[in-house]
């Protein structure tokens, strides 16, 4: 059963998990900006940058406002992702379609599951941006060699897993629960 916030008609019965994941995403976005802003003043006059994050080719550049390209890109991606998922993914199913029983509760539960999956994947997208930014900071201060490729690719694999198999498994479990609840006793 999806736990929702009582009396939250304006929130369209958001689940507690979805709200927690959205709050976690906002915290990660704020942390990214905080780390970038606090590190900027302590950067050397020339910082290392890379022509491509995964190529390992470093290019020395002057410290400038372009240092904030990753947090700006993260914020733009964050907003675009929320707009696109709302338009494409959060649309509720029509009653009786998509293998769901023709009930409003089923549609609400599916929408809640979609929100949870979308916000969970967004957490990993935020971690990708944060990893790129902190790798650049550490590289510029000669504290690390650059991107940890194993961690970076693990984040990408997790995103694909969440948007693919994880969602399908959770959905099948939800449909089985609905079918079990609909059977006469």
Protein backbone atom coordinates (compact mmCIF):
# COMPACT_ATOMS: atom_id res chain seq x y z
CA UNK A 1 0.00 0.00 0.00
CA UNK A 2 1.28 3.46 -0.87
CA UNK A 3 1.59 5.72 2.16
CA UNK A 4 0.38 9.19 1.28
CA UNK A 5 0.22 12.46 3.09
CA UNK A 6 -3.28 12.90 4.54
CA UNK A 7 -5.22 15.90 3.28
CA UNK A 8 -2.70 16.58 0.54
CA UNK A 9 -5.15 17.12 -2.27
CA UNK A 10 -2.96 19.89 -3.69
CA UNK A 11 -0.05 17.45 -3.76
CA UNK A 12 -2.22 14.94 -5.67
CA UNK A 13 -1.62 12.25 -3.04
CA UNK A 14 2.14 12.13 -3.40
CA UNK A 15 3.74 9.25 -1.58
CA UNK A 16 6.08 9.92 1.30
CA UNK A 17 8.83 8.11 -0.63
CA UNK A 18 8.40 10.37 -3.68
CA UNK A 19 8.51 13.50 -1.54
CA UNK A 20 11.59 12.22 0.29
CA UNK A 21 13.36 11.48 -2.99
CA UNK A 22 12.45 14.91 -4.37
CA UNK A 23 13.79 16.51 -1.16
CA UNK A 24 16.99 14.46 -1.53
CA UNK A 25 17.38 15.75 -5.08
CA UNK A 26 16.98 19.34 -3.95
CA UNK A 27 19.56 18.77 -1.21
CA UNK A 28 22.03 17.34 -3.76
CA UNK A 29 21.48 20.32 -6.07
CA UNK A 30 22.05 22.75 -3.20
CA UNK A 31 25.14 20.81 -2.06
CA UNK A 32 26.60 20.99 -5.55
CA UNK A 33 26.24 24.77 -5.63
CA UNK A 34 27.58 25.12 -2.08
CA UNK A 35 30.68 23.01 -2.82
CA UNK A 36 31.33 24.86 -6.08
CA UNK A 37 30.92 28.30 -4.51
CA UNK A 38 33.09 27.48 -1.50
CA UNK A 39 35.82 25.86 -3.62
CA UNK A 40 35.96 28.66 -6.20
CA UNK A 41 37.77 31.13 -3.93
CA UNK A 42 40.45 28.58 -3.08
CA UNK A 43 41.26 27.54 -6.65
CA UNK A 44 44.63 28.42 -8.16
CA UNK A 45 44.72 31.09 -10.91
CA UNK A 46 45.05 28.35 -13.56
CA UNK A 47 42.96 25.25 -13.15
CA UNK A 48 42.95 21.96 -14.95
CA UNK A 49 40.06 21.19 -17.20
CA UNK A 50 39.49 18.42 -19.68
CA UNK A 51 38.52 18.39 -23.29
CA UNK A 52 36.28 15.42 -22.57
CA UNK A 53 35.64 14.12 -19.05
CA UNK A 54 36.40 10.51 -19.93
CA UNK A 55 39.32 11.09 -22.30
CA UNK A 56 41.84 12.07 -19.65
CA UNK A 57 43.14 14.97 -21.76
CA UNK A 58 43.73 17.89 -19.43
CA UNK A 59 43.72 21.48 -20.60
CA UNK A 60 44.96 24.27 -18.30
CA UNK A 61 42.58 27.23 -18.30
CA UNK A 62 42.23 30.47 -16.39
CA UNK A 63 39.92 30.36 -13.41
CA UNK A 64 36.69 32.04 -14.48
CA UNK A 65 32.95 31.84 -14.12
CA UNK A 66 33.04 28.87 -16.53
CA UNK A 67 34.05 26.83 -13.49
CA UNK A 68 30.34 26.87 -12.66
CA UNK A 69 29.39 25.12 -15.92
CA UNK A 70 28.69 21.83 -14.12
CA UNK A 71 26.37 23.26 -11.44
CA UNK A 72 24.62 25.38 -14.08
CA UNK A 73 24.30 22.33 -16.33
CA UNK A 74 23.05 20.31 -13.37
CA UNK A 75 20.37 22.90 -12.56
CA UNK A 76 19.25 23.13 -16.20
CA UNK A 77 19.19 19.32 -16.48
CA UNK A 78 17.25 19.10 -13.20
CA UNK A 79 14.49 21.41 -14.42
CA UNK A 80 14.39 19.88 -17.94
CA UNK A 81 14.24 16.37 -16.47
CA UNK A 82 11.32 17.28 -14.20
CA UNK A 83 9.43 18.95 -17.06
CA UNK A 84 10.02 16.04 -19.45
CA UNK A 85 9.15 13.34 -16.93
CA UNK A 86 5.99 15.20 -16.00
CA UNK A 87 4.97 15.46 -19.66
CA UNK A 88 5.98 11.94 -20.71
CA UNK A 89 6.10 9.71 -17.67
CA UNK A 90 3.68 10.99 -15.05
CA UNK A 91 0.60 10.86 -17.24
CA UNK A 92 -1.89 8.64 -15.49
CA UNK A 93 -3.22 5.60 -17.30
CA UNK A 94 -6.78 5.50 -18.51
CA UNK A 95 -9.03 3.36 -16.35
CA UNK A 96 -8.88 -0.26 -17.42
CA UNK A 97 -5.87 0.23 -19.73
CA UNK A 98 -2.27 -0.80 -19.31
CA UNK A 99 -3.15 -4.03 -17.43
CA UNK A 100 -4.49 -2.07 -14.47
CA UNK A 101 -7.86 -2.61 -12.86
CA UNK A 102 -10.29 0.20 -13.66
CA UNK A 103 -9.92 1.99 -10.33
CA UNK A 104 -8.71 5.40 -9.32
CA UNK A 105 -6.53 3.82 -6.61
CA UNK A 106 -4.60 1.81 -9.22
CA UNK A 107 -3.91 4.94 -11.27
CA UNK A 108 -2.77 6.84 -8.17
CA UNK A 109 -0.46 3.97 -7.14
CA UNK A 110 1.06 3.73 -10.62
CA UNK A 111 1.62 7.48 -10.77
CA UNK A 112 3.26 7.32 -7.33
CA UNK A 113 5.53 4.50 -8.48
CA UNK A 114 6.51 6.48 -11.58
CA UNK A 115 7.36 9.51 -9.43
CA UNK A 116 9.50 7.40 -7.12
CA UNK A 117 11.40 5.82 -10.03
CA UNK A 118 11.90 9.16 -11.79
CA UNK A 119 13.17 10.88 -8.64
CA UNK A 120 15.42 7.95 -7.74
CA UNK A 121 17.01 8.06 -11.21
CA UNK A 122 17.39 11.85 -10.84
CA UNK A 123 19.40 11.31 -7.65
CA UNK A 124 21.92 9.28 -9.64
CA UNK A 125 21.99 11.92 -12.41
CA UNK A 126 22.75 14.51 -9.72
CA UNK A 127 25.55 12.28 -8.41
CA UNK A 128 27.05 12.16 -11.92
CA UNK A 129 27.18 15.96 -12.05
CA UNK A 130 28.56 16.19 -8.53
CA UNK A 131 31.25 13.62 -9.33
CA UNK A 132 32.31 15.58 -12.42
CA UNK A 133 32.47 18.84 -10.48
CA UNK A 134 34.33 17.46 -7.46
CA UNK A 135 36.75 15.61 -9.75
CA UNK A 136 37.50 18.92 -11.47
CA UNK A 137 38.06 20.63 -8.12
CA UNK A 138 40.37 17.88 -6.86
CA UNK A 139 42.23 17.78 -10.17
CA UNK A 140 42.72 21.55 -10.12
CA UNK A 141 44.20 21.38 -6.65
CA UNK A 142 46.37 18.36 -7.62
CA UNK A 143 44.65 16.16 -5.06
CA UNK A 144 43.30 13.51 -7.45
CA UNK A 145 44.05 12.29 -10.98
CA UNK A 146 40.57 13.02 -12.34
CA UNK A 147 37.37 11.07 -12.75
CA UNK A 148 36.99 7.73 -11.04
CA UNK A 149 35.78 5.83 -14.10
CA UNK A 150 34.53 2.80 -12.15
CA UNK A 151 32.32 5.02 -9.96
CA UNK A 152 31.18 7.08 -12.96
CA UNK A 153 30.11 4.02 -14.97
CA UNK A 154 28.49 2.47 -11.89
CA UNK A 155 26.30 5.57 -11.61
CA UNK A 156 25.31 5.25 -15.28
CA UNK A 157 24.52 1.53 -14.87
CA UNK A 158 22.37 2.31 -11.83
CA UNK A 159 20.39 4.89 -13.84
CA UNK A 160 19.74 2.33 -16.57
CA UNK A 161 18.80 -0.30 -13.98
CA UNK A 162 16.36 2.02 -12.20
CA UNK A 163 14.64 3.16 -15.39
CA UNK A 164 14.47 -0.38 -16.79
CA UNK A 165 14.35 -3.57 -14.70
CA UNK A 166 13.72 -1.91 -11.33
CA UNK A 167 10.62 -0.11 -12.60
CA UNK A 168 9.26 -3.22 -14.31
CA UNK A 169 9.82 -5.39 -11.23
CA UNK A 170 8.13 -2.90 -8.91
CA UNK A 171 5.24 -2.54 -11.35
CA UNK A 172 4.72 -6.32 -11.58
CA UNK A 173 4.66 -6.54 -7.79
CA UNK A 174 2.11 -3.72 -7.65
CA UNK A 175 -0.08 -5.41 -10.29
CA UNK A 176 0.11 -8.73 -8.41
CA UNK A 177 -0.96 -6.99 -5.19
CA UNK A 178 -3.86 -5.34 -7.02
CA UNK A 179 -4.96 -8.66 -8.54
CA UNK A 180 -4.71 -10.40 -5.16
CA UNK A 181 -6.75 -7.64 -3.51
CA UNK A 182 -9.40 -7.77 -6.26
CA UNK A 183 -10.01 -11.54 -5.90
CA UNK A 184 -13.11 -12.48 -3.94
CA UNK A 185 -12.43 -14.23 -0.66
